[in-house]
PDB file of all heavy atoms in Angstrom:
ATOM      1  N   CYS A   1     138.833 138.660 132.284  1.00  0.00           N
ATOM      2  CA  CYS A   1     138.465 137.508 133.099  1.00  0.00           C
ATOM      3  C   CYS A   1     138.882 136.266 132.307  1.00  0.00           C
ATOM      4  O   CYS A   1     139.765 136.343 131.456  1.00  0.00           O
ATOM      5  CB  CYS A   1     136.980 137.530 133.455  1.00  0.00           C
ATOM      6  SG  CYS A   1     135.858 137.469 132.044  1.00  0.00           S
ATOM      7  N   VAL A   2     138.263 135.142 132.554  1.00  0.00           N
ATOM      8  CA  VAL A   2     138.675 133.907 131.895  1.00  0.00           C
ATOM      9  C   VAL A   2     138.373 133.943 130.397  1.00  0.00           C
ATOM     10  O   VAL A   2     139.255 133.737 129.573  1.00  0.00           O
ATOM     11  CB  VAL A   2     138.011 132.676 132.556  1.00  0.00           C
ATOM     12  CG1 VAL A   2     138.440 131.394 131.853  1.00  0.00           C
ATOM     13  CG2 VAL A   2     138.376 132.603 134.039  1.00  0.00           C
ATOM     14  N   TYR A   3     137.105 134.208 130.039  1.00  0.00           N
ATOM     15  CA  TYR A   3     136.686 134.139 128.644  1.00  0.00           C
ATOM     16  C   TYR A   3     136.207 135.459 128.053  1.00  0.00           C
ATOM     17  O   TYR A   3     135.764 135.508 126.915  1.00  0.00           O
ATOM     18  CB  TYR A   3     135.569 133.104 128.476  1.00  0.00           C
ATOM     19  CG  TYR A   3     135.977 131.710 128.877  1.00  0.00           C
ATOM     20  CD1 TYR A   3     135.381 131.081 129.962  1.00  0.00           C
ATOM     21  CD2 TYR A   3     136.954 131.016 128.171  1.00  0.00           C
ATOM     22  CE1 TYR A   3     135.744 129.798 130.330  1.00  0.00           C
ATOM     23  CE2 TYR A   3     137.333 129.734 128.533  1.00  0.00           C
ATOM     24  CZ  TYR A   3     136.715 129.124 129.611  1.00  0.00           C
ATOM     25  OH  TYR A   3     137.086 127.856 129.982  1.00  0.00           O
ATOM     26  N   GLY A   4     136.238 136.528 128.819  1.00  0.00           N
ATOM     27  CA  GLY A   4     135.805 137.820 128.300  1.00  0.00           C
ATOM     28  C   GLY A   4     134.305 138.005 128.295  1.00  0.00           C
ATOM     29  O   GLY A   4     133.775 138.734 127.466  1.00  0.00           O
ATOM     30  N   HIS A   5     133.644 137.364 129.223  1.00  0.00           N
ATOM     31  CA  HIS A   5     132.185 137.473 129.291  1.00  0.00           C
ATOM     32  C   HIS A   5     131.782 138.427 130.408  1.00  0.00           C
ATOM     33  O   HIS A   5     132.336 139.511 130.511  1.00  0.00           O
ATOM     34  CB  HIS A   5     131.548 136.088 129.462  1.00  0.00           C
ATOM     35  CG  HIS A   5     131.818 135.177 128.303  1.00  0.00           C
ATOM     36  ND1 HIS A   5     131.951 133.832 128.437  1.00  0.00           N
ATOM     37  CD2 HIS A   5     132.005 135.421 126.986  1.00  0.00           C
ATOM     38  CE1 HIS A   5     132.189 133.279 127.259  1.00  0.00           C
ATOM     39  NE2 HIS A   5     132.234 134.224 126.354  1.00  0.00           N
ATOM     40  N   HIS A   6     130.866 138.026 131.225  1.00  0.00           N
ATOM     41  CA  HIS A   6     130.231 138.947 132.161  1.00  0.00           C
ATOM     42  C   HIS A   6     131.130 139.504 133.265  1.00  0.00           C
ATOM     43  O   HIS A   6     130.947 140.653 133.666  1.00  0.00           O
ATOM     44  CB  HIS A   6     128.982 138.309 132.777  1.00  0.00           C
ATOM     45  CG  HIS A   6     127.913 138.114 131.760  1.00  0.00           C
ATOM     46  ND1 HIS A   6     127.175 139.156 131.256  1.00  0.00           N
ATOM     47  CD2 HIS A   6     127.491 137.007 131.111  1.00  0.00           C
ATOM     48  CE1 HIS A   6     126.337 138.708 130.355  1.00  0.00           C
ATOM     49  NE2 HIS A   6     126.504 137.406 130.238  1.00  0.00           N
ATOM     50  N   VAL A   7     132.088 138.754 133.755  1.00  0.00           N
ATOM     51  CA  VAL A   7     132.905 139.262 134.858  1.00  0.00           C
ATOM     52  C   VAL A   7     133.701 140.486 134.418  1.00  0.00           C
ATOM     53  O   VAL A   7     133.657 141.538 135.061  1.00  0.00           O
ATOM     54  CB  VAL A   7     133.832 138.165 135.432  1.00  0.00           C
ATOM     55  CG1 VAL A   7     134.751 138.739 136.501  1.00  0.00           C
ATOM     56  CG2 VAL A   7     133.006 137.004 136.003  1.00  0.00           C
ATOM     57  N   SER A   8     134.411 140.380 133.310  1.00  0.00           N
ATOM     58  CA  SER A   8     135.206 141.525 132.843  1.00  0.00           C
ATOM     59  C   SER A   8     134.320 142.630 132.287  1.00  0.00           C
ATOM     60  O   SER A   8     134.616 143.812 132.456  1.00  0.00           O
ATOM     61  CB  SER A   8     136.243 141.087 131.807  1.00  0.00           C
ATOM     62  OG  SER A   8     135.630 140.486 130.692  1.00  0.00           O
ATOM     63  N   MET A   9     133.227 142.249 131.642  1.00  0.00           N
ATOM     64  CA  MET A   9     132.307 143.248 131.112  1.00  0.00           C
ATOM     65  C   MET A   9     131.681 144.051 132.253  1.00  0.00           C
ATOM     66  O   MET A   9     131.630 145.283 132.193  1.00  0.00           O
ATOM     67  CB  MET A   9     131.215 142.574 130.288  1.00  0.00           C
ATOM     68  CG  MET A   9     130.278 143.546 129.619  1.00  0.00           C
ATOM     69  SD  MET A   9     128.966 142.710 128.710  1.00  0.00           S
ATOM     70  CE  MET A   9     127.953 142.127 130.073  1.00  0.00           C
ATOM     71  N   ASP A  10     131.215 143.364 133.288  1.00  0.00           N
ATOM     72  CA  ASP A  10     130.622 144.065 134.433  1.00  0.00           C
ATOM     73  C   ASP A  10     131.651 144.955 135.123  1.00  0.00           C
ATOM     74  O   ASP A  10     131.331 146.062 135.556  1.00  0.00           O
ATOM     75  CB  ASP A  10     130.032 143.068 135.437  1.00  0.00           C
ATOM     76  CG  ASP A  10     128.757 142.409 134.921  1.00  0.00           C
ATOM     77  OD1 ASP A  10     128.179 142.888 133.924  1.00  0.00           O
ATOM     78  OD2 ASP A  10     128.345 141.393 135.522  1.00  0.00           O
ATOM     79  N   ALA A  11     132.901 144.487 135.218  1.00  0.00           N
ATOM     80  CA  ALA A  11     133.954 145.297 135.827  1.00  0.00           C
ATOM     81  C   ALA A  11     134.200 146.563 135.004  1.00  0.00           C
ATOM     82  O   ALA A  11     134.323 147.657 135.554  1.00  0.00           O
ATOM     83  CB  ALA A  11     135.241 144.483 135.968  1.00  0.00           C
ATOM     84  N   ALA A  12     134.260 146.424 133.683  1.00  0.00           N
ATOM     85  CA  ALA A  12     134.471 147.591 132.818  1.00  0.00           C
ATOM     86  C   ALA A  12     133.299 148.570 132.933  1.00  0.00           C
ATOM     87  O   ALA A  12     133.509 149.790 132.986  1.00  0.00           O
ATOM     88  CB  ALA A  12     134.663 147.155 131.368  1.00  0.00           C
ATOM     89  N   LEU A  13     132.088 148.052 132.996  1.00  0.00           N
ATOM     90  CA  LEU A  13     130.919 148.924 133.146  1.00  0.00           C
ATOM     91  C   LEU A  13     130.941 149.650 134.489  1.00  0.00           C
ATOM     92  O   LEU A  13     130.610 150.838 134.558  1.00  0.00           O
ATOM     93  CB  LEU A  13     129.633 148.121 132.989  1.00  0.00           C
ATOM     94  CG  LEU A  13     129.332 147.666 131.561  1.00  0.00           C
ATOM     95  CD1 LEU A  13     128.186 146.649 131.557  1.00  0.00           C
ATOM     96  CD2 LEU A  13     129.006 148.846 130.666  1.00  0.00           C
ATOM     97  N   LEU A  14     131.329 148.968 135.556  1.00  0.00           N
ATOM     98  CA  LEU A  14     131.428 149.614 136.863  1.00  0.00           C
ATOM     99  C   LEU A  14     132.463 150.734 136.818  1.00  0.00           C
ATOM    100  O   LEU A  14     132.223 151.831 137.314  1.00  0.00           O
ATOM    101  CB  LEU A  14     131.799 148.596 137.943  1.00  0.00           C
ATOM    102  CG  LEU A  14     131.827 149.138 139.361  1.00  0.00           C
ATOM    103  CD1 LEU A  14     131.362 148.077 140.343  1.00  0.00           C
ATOM    104  CD2 LEU A  14     133.197 149.634 139.753  1.00  0.00           C
ATOM    105  N   LEU A  15     133.612 150.466 136.201  1.00  0.00           N
ATOM    106  CA  LEU A  15     134.658 151.481 136.099  1.00  0.00           C
ATOM    107  C   LEU A  15     134.204 152.651 135.235  1.00  0.00           C
ATOM    108  O   LEU A  15     134.491 153.805 135.549  1.00  0.00           O
ATOM    109  CB  LEU A  15     135.944 150.858 135.552  1.00  0.00           C
ATOM    110  CG  LEU A  15     136.641 149.894 136.515  1.00  0.00           C
ATOM    111  CD1 LEU A  15     137.668 149.053 135.782  1.00  0.00           C
ATOM    112  CD2 LEU A  15     137.266 150.653 137.673  1.00  0.00           C
ATOM    113  N   ARG A  16     133.487 152.374 134.175  1.00  0.00           N
ATOM    114  CA  ARG A  16     132.946 153.460 133.345  1.00  0.00           C
ATOM    115  C   ARG A  16     131.981 154.323 134.145  1.00  0.00           C
ATOM    116  O   ARG A  16     131.993 155.547 134.027  1.00  0.00           O
ATOM    117  CB  ARG A  16     132.231 152.894 132.114  1.00  0.00           C
ATOM    118  CG  ARG A  16     133.169 152.462 131.024  1.00  0.00           C
ATOM    119  CD  ARG A  16     132.416 151.963 129.822  1.00  0.00           C
ATOM    120  NE  ARG A  16     133.349 151.717 128.726  1.00  0.00           N
ATOM    121  CZ  ARG A  16     132.994 151.625 127.465  1.00  0.00           C
ATOM    122  NH1 ARG A  16     131.725 151.759 127.112  1.00  0.00           N
ATOM    123  NH2 ARG A  16     133.897 151.399 126.534  1.00  0.00           N
ATOM    124  N   SER A  17     131.157 153.684 134.966  1.00  0.00           N
ATOM    125  CA  SER A  17     130.203 154.458 135.764  1.00  0.00           C
ATOM    126  C   SER A  17     130.918 155.326 136.800  1.00  0.00           C
ATOM    127  O   SER A  17     130.368 156.322 137.263  1.00  0.00           O
ATOM    128  CB  SER A  17     129.183 153.543 136.439  1.00  0.00           C
ATOM    129  OG  SER A  17     129.774 152.794 137.482  1.00  0.00           O
ATOM    130  N   ALA A  18     132.162 154.968 137.142  1.00  0.00           N
ATOM    131  CA  ALA A  18     132.961 155.763 138.076  1.00  0.00           C
ATOM    132  C   ALA A  18     133.767 156.839 137.349  1.00  0.00           C
ATOM    133  O   ALA A  18     134.518 157.582 137.977  1.00  0.00           O
ATOM    134  CB  ALA A  18     133.909 154.851 138.862  1.00  0.00           C
ATOM    135  N   GLY A  19     133.648 156.900 136.018  1.00  0.00           N
ATOM    136  CA  GLY A  19     134.306 157.955 135.261  1.00  0.00           C
ATOM    137  C   GLY A  19     135.553 157.548 134.507  1.00  0.00           C
ATOM    138  O   GLY A  19     136.220 158.388 133.913  1.00  0.00           O
ATOM    139  N   PHE A  20     135.880 156.261 134.493  1.00  0.00           N
ATOM    140  CA  PHE A  20     137.083 155.812 133.794  1.00  0.00           C
ATOM    141  C   PHE A  20     136.784 155.438 132.347  1.00  0.00           C
ATOM    142  O   PHE A  20     135.668 155.037 132.010  1.00  0.00           O
ATOM    143  CB  PHE A  20     137.677 154.575 134.483  1.00  0.00           C
ATOM    144  CG  PHE A  20     138.306 154.876 135.798  1.00  0.00           C
ATOM    145  CD1 PHE A  20     137.609 154.637 136.972  1.00  0.00           C
ATOM    146  CD2 PHE A  20     139.579 155.398 135.889  1.00  0.00           C
ATOM    147  CE1 PHE A  20     138.174 154.911 138.201  1.00  0.00           C
ATOM    148  CE2 PHE A  20     140.159 155.681 137.108  1.00  0.00           C
ATOM    149  CZ  PHE A  20     139.449 155.438 138.264  1.00  0.00           C
ATOM    150  N   ASN A  21     137.802 155.528 131.520  1.00  0.00           N
ATOM    151  CA  ASN A  21     137.771 154.974 130.178  1.00  0.00           C
ATOM    152  C   ASN A  21     138.175 153.515 130.349  1.00  0.00           C
ATOM    153  O   ASN A  21     139.357 153.205 130.478  1.00  0.00           O
ATOM    154  CB  ASN A  21     138.745 155.716 129.261  1.00  0.00           C
ATOM    155  CG  ASN A  21     138.824 155.096 127.881  1.00  0.00           C
ATOM    156  OD1 ASN A  21     138.016 154.263 127.495  1.00  0.00           O
ATOM    157  ND2 ASN A  21     139.846 155.499 127.129  1.00  0.00           N
ATOM    158  N   ALA A  22     137.191 152.630 130.413  1.00  0.00           N
ATOM    159  CA  ALA A  22     137.459 151.218 130.688  1.00  0.00           C
ATOM    160  C   ALA A  22     136.848 150.343 129.610  1.00  0.00           C
ATOM    161  O   ALA A  22     135.767 150.633 129.097  1.00  0.00           O
ATOM    162  CB  ALA A  22     136.900 150.836 132.055  1.00  0.00           C
ATOM    163  N   ARG A  23     137.587 149.295 129.280  1.00  0.00           N
ATOM    164  CA  ARG A  23     137.097 148.300 128.328  1.00  0.00           C
ATOM    165  C   ARG A  23     137.451 146.915 128.844  1.00  0.00           C
ATOM    166  O   ARG A  23     138.339 146.759 129.679  1.00  0.00           O
ATOM    167  CB  ARG A  23     137.714 148.511 126.949  1.00  0.00           C
ATOM    168  CG  ARG A  23     137.265 149.816 126.314  1.00  0.00           C
ATOM    169  CD  ARG A  23     137.617 149.897 124.859  1.00  0.00           C
ATOM    170  NE  ARG A  23     139.016 150.279 124.678  1.00  0.00           N
ATOM    171  CZ  ARG A  23     139.636 150.298 123.504  1.00  0.00           C
ATOM    172  NH1 ARG A  23     139.001 149.929 122.409  1.00  0.00           N
ATOM    173  NH2 ARG A  23     140.887 150.669 123.412  1.00  0.00           N
ATOM    174  N   ALA A  24     136.762 145.928 128.315  1.00  0.00           N
ATOM    175  CA  ALA A  24     137.024 144.529 128.650  1.00  0.00           C
ATOM    176  C   ALA A  24     137.777 143.888 127.485  1.00  0.00           C
ATOM    177  O   ALA A  24     137.542 144.223 126.319  1.00  0.00           O
ATOM    178  CB  ALA A  24     135.720 143.794 128.900  1.00  0.00           C
ATOM    179  N   LEU A  25     138.669 142.969 127.798  1.00  0.00           N
ATOM    180  CA  LEU A  25     139.434 142.265 126.773  1.00  0.00           C
ATOM    181  C   LEU A  25     138.543 141.226 126.107  1.00  0.00           C
ATOM    182  O   LEU A  25     138.068 140.291 126.759  1.00  0.00           O
ATOM    183  CB  LEU A  25     140.659 141.589 127.391  1.00  0.00           C
ATOM    184  CG  LEU A  25     141.518 140.751 126.454  1.00  0.00           C
ATOM    185  CD1 LEU A  25     142.093 141.611 125.320  1.00  0.00           C
ATOM    186  CD2 LEU A  25     142.634 140.065 127.238  1.00  0.00           C
ATOM    187  N   ALA A  26     138.311 141.394 124.811  1.00  0.00           N
ATOM    188  CA  ALA A  26     137.501 140.431 124.051  1.00  0.00           C
ATOM    189  C   ALA A  26     138.191 139.066 124.099  1.00  0.00           C
ATOM    190  O   ALA A  26     139.380 138.953 123.838  1.00  0.00           O
ATOM    191  CB  ALA A  26     137.347 140.895 122.605  1.00  0.00           C
ATOM    192  N   GLY A  27     137.446 138.051 124.478  1.00  0.00           N
ATOM    193  CA  GLY A  27     138.001 136.696 124.564  1.00  0.00           C
ATOM    194  C   GLY A  27     138.662 136.387 125.889  1.00  0.00           C
ATOM    195  O   GLY A  27     138.964 135.237 126.166  1.00  0.00           O
ATOM    196  N   GLY A  28     138.908 137.407 126.700  1.00  0.00           N
ATOM    197  CA  GLY A  28     139.510 137.193 128.018  1.00  0.00           C
ATOM    198  C   GLY A  28     140.881 136.544 127.968  1.00  0.00           C
ATOM    199  O   GLY A  28     141.562 136.560 126.950  1.00  0.00           O
ATOM    200  N   PHE A  29     141.266 135.971 129.084  1.00  0.00           N
ATOM    201  CA  PHE A  29     142.594 135.365 129.245  1.00  0.00           C
ATOM    202  C   PHE A  29     142.767 134.141 128.347  1.00  0.00           C
ATOM    203  O   PHE A  29     143.847 133.884 127.839  1.00  0.00           O
ATOM    204  CB  PHE A  29     142.785 134.971 130.717  1.00  0.00           C
ATOM    205  CG  PHE A  29     144.172 134.543 131.063  1.00  0.00           C
ATOM    206  CD1 PHE A  29     145.177 135.478 131.236  1.00  0.00           C
ATOM    207  CD2 PHE A  29     144.479 133.204 131.242  1.00  0.00           C
ATOM    208  CE1 PHE A  29     146.471 135.094 131.567  1.00  0.00           C
ATOM    209  CE2 PHE A  29     145.772 132.807 131.581  1.00  0.00           C
ATOM    210  CZ  PHE A  29     146.770 133.751 131.743  1.00  0.00           C
ATOM    211  N   GLU A  30     141.688 133.386 128.135  1.00  0.00           N
ATOM    212  CA  GLU A  30     141.761 132.137 127.372  1.00  0.00           C
ATOM    213  C   GLU A  30     141.494 132.315 125.879  1.00  0.00           C
ATOM    214  O   GLU A  30     141.639 131.366 125.123  1.00  0.00           O
ATOM    215  CB  GLU A  30     140.774 131.112 127.943  1.00  0.00           C
ATOM    216  CG  GLU A  30     141.068 130.706 129.371  1.00  0.00           C
ATOM    217  CD  GLU A  30     142.355 129.913 129.520  1.00  0.00           C
ATOM    218  OE1 GLU A  30     142.733 129.181 128.569  1.00  0.00           O
ATOM    219  OE2 GLU A  30     142.988 130.026 130.590  1.00  0.00           O
ATOM    220  N   GLY A  31     141.055 133.492 125.455  1.00  0.00           N
ATOM    221  CA  GLY A  31     140.778 133.703 124.039  1.00  0.00           C
ATOM    222  C   GLY A  31     139.418 133.186 123.611  1.00  0.00           C
ATOM    223  O   GLY A  31     139.238 132.718 122.498  1.00  0.00           O
ATOM    224  N   GLY A  32     138.451 133.271 124.496  1.00  0.00           N
ATOM    225  CA  GLY A  32     137.093 132.852 124.178  1.00  0.00           C
ATOM    226  C   GLY A  32     136.786 131.456 124.688  1.00  0.00           C
ATOM    227  O   GLY A  32     137.668 130.727 125.142  1.00  0.00           O
ATOM    228  N   GLU A  33     135.511 131.115 124.612  1.00  0.00           N
ATOM    229  CA  GLU A  33     135.030 129.833 125.126  1.00  0.00           C
ATOM    230  C   GLU A  33     134.336 129.070 124.009  1.00  0.00           C
ATOM    231  O   GLU A  33     133.363 129.551 123.426  1.00  0.00           O
ATOM    232  CB  GLU A  33     134.063 130.081 126.285  1.00  0.00           C
ATOM    233  CG  GLU A  33     133.560 128.843 126.949  1.00  0.00           C
ATOM    234  CD  GLU A  33     132.680 129.146 128.149  1.00  0.00           C
ATOM    235  OE1 GLU A  33     132.241 130.307 128.322  1.00  0.00           O
ATOM    236  OE2 GLU A  33     132.413 128.213 128.899  1.00  0.00           O
ATOM    237  N   GLU A  34     134.849 127.884 123.708  1.00  0.00           N
ATOM    238  CA  GLU A  34     134.257 127.065 122.667  1.00  0.00           C
ATOM    239  C   GLU A  34     132.823 126.713 123.035  1.00  0.00           C
ATOM    240  O   GLU A  34     132.493 126.544 124.196  1.00  0.00           O
ATOM    241  CB  GLU A  34     135.110 125.823 122.431  1.00  0.00           C
ATOM    242  CG  GLU A  34     136.477 126.198 121.861  1.00  0.00           C
ATOM    243  CD  GLU A  34     137.384 125.019 121.604  1.00  0.00           C
ATOM    244  OE1 GLU A  34     136.899 123.892 121.465  1.00  0.00           O
ATOM    245  OE2 GLU A  34     138.599 125.254 121.552  1.00  0.00           O
ATOM    246  N   GLU A  35     131.975 126.610 122.028  1.00  0.00           N
ATOM    247  CA  GLU A  35     130.548 126.325 122.146  1.00  0.00           C
ATOM    248  C   GLU A  35     129.757 127.469 122.788  1.00  0.00           C
ATOM    249  O   GLU A  35     128.580 127.335 123.058  1.00  0.00           O
ATOM    250  CB  GLU A  35     130.285 124.998 122.862  1.00  0.00           C
ATOM    251  CG  GLU A  35     130.881 123.815 122.110  1.00  0.00           C
ATOM    252  CD  GLU A  35     130.549 122.476 122.741  1.00  0.00           C
ATOM    253  OE1 GLU A  35     129.592 122.399 123.526  1.00  0.00           O
ATOM    254  OE2 GLU A  35     131.268 121.520 122.429  1.00  0.00           O
ATOM    255  N   VAL A  36     130.418 128.589 123.060  1.00  0.00           N
ATOM    256  CA  VAL A  36     129.735 129.781 123.558  1.00  0.00           C
ATOM    257  C   VAL A  36     130.013 130.940 122.601  1.00  0.00           C
ATOM    258  O   VAL A  36     129.098 131.599 122.139  1.00  0.00           O
ATOM    259  CB  VAL A  36     130.186 130.142 124.995  1.00  0.00           C
ATOM    260  CG1 VAL A  36     129.574 131.467 125.432  1.00  0.00           C
ATOM    261  CG2 VAL A  36     129.827 129.031 125.967  1.00  0.00           C
ATOM    262  N   ASP A  37     131.279 131.167 122.322  1.00  0.00           N
ATOM    263  CA  ASP A  37     131.676 132.252 121.422  1.00  0.00           C
ATOM    264  C   ASP A  37     131.748 131.755 119.984  1.00  0.00           C
ATOM    265  O   ASP A  37     131.961 130.572 119.722  1.00  0.00           O
ATOM    266  CB  ASP A  37     133.040 132.816 121.850  1.00  0.00           C
ATOM    267  CG  ASP A  37     132.976 133.522 123.186  1.00  0.00           C
ATOM    268  OD1 ASP A  37     132.099 134.389 123.349  1.00  0.00           O
ATOM    269  OD2 ASP A  37     133.796 133.208 124.066  1.00  0.00           O
ATOM    270  N   ASN A  38     131.627 132.680 119.059  1.00  0.00           N
ATOM    271  CA  ASN A  38     131.741 132.405 117.642  1.00  0.00           C
ATOM    272  C   ASN A  38     133.148 131.886 117.336  1.00  0.00           C
ATOM    273  O   ASN A  38     134.139 132.466 117.778  1.00  0.00           O
ATOM    274  CB  ASN A  38     131.453 133.721 116.890  1.00  0.00           C
ATOM    275  CG  ASN A  38     131.652 133.620 115.424  1.00  0.00           C
ATOM    276  OD1 ASN A  38     132.767 133.453 114.933  1.00  0.00           O
ATOM    277  ND2 ASN A  38     130.560 133.750 114.691  1.00  0.00           N
ATOM    278  N   MET A  39     133.237 130.792 116.579  1.00  0.00           N
ATOM    279  CA  MET A  39     134.536 130.171 116.293  1.00  0.00           C
ATOM    280  C   MET A  39     135.482 131.111 115.539  1.00  0.00           C
ATOM    281  O   MET A  39     136.691 131.071 115.762  1.00  0.00           O
ATOM    282  CB  MET A  39     134.350 128.856 115.515  1.00  0.00           C
ATOM    283  CG  MET A  39     133.690 127.755 116.351  1.00  0.00           C
ATOM    284  SD  MET A  39     134.560 127.409 117.916  1.00  0.00           S
ATOM    285  CE  MET A  39     136.062 126.692 117.323  1.00  0.00           C
TER     286      MET A  39
END
């Protein structure tokens, strides 16, 4: 997703519950979000 937070995490969890080997991209498309993620 944009920053690798809940949207991509929830998607990966949904796919895992359906039987897939799924992971979310840490940092998302933008490489994290300033003032939210660790610098």
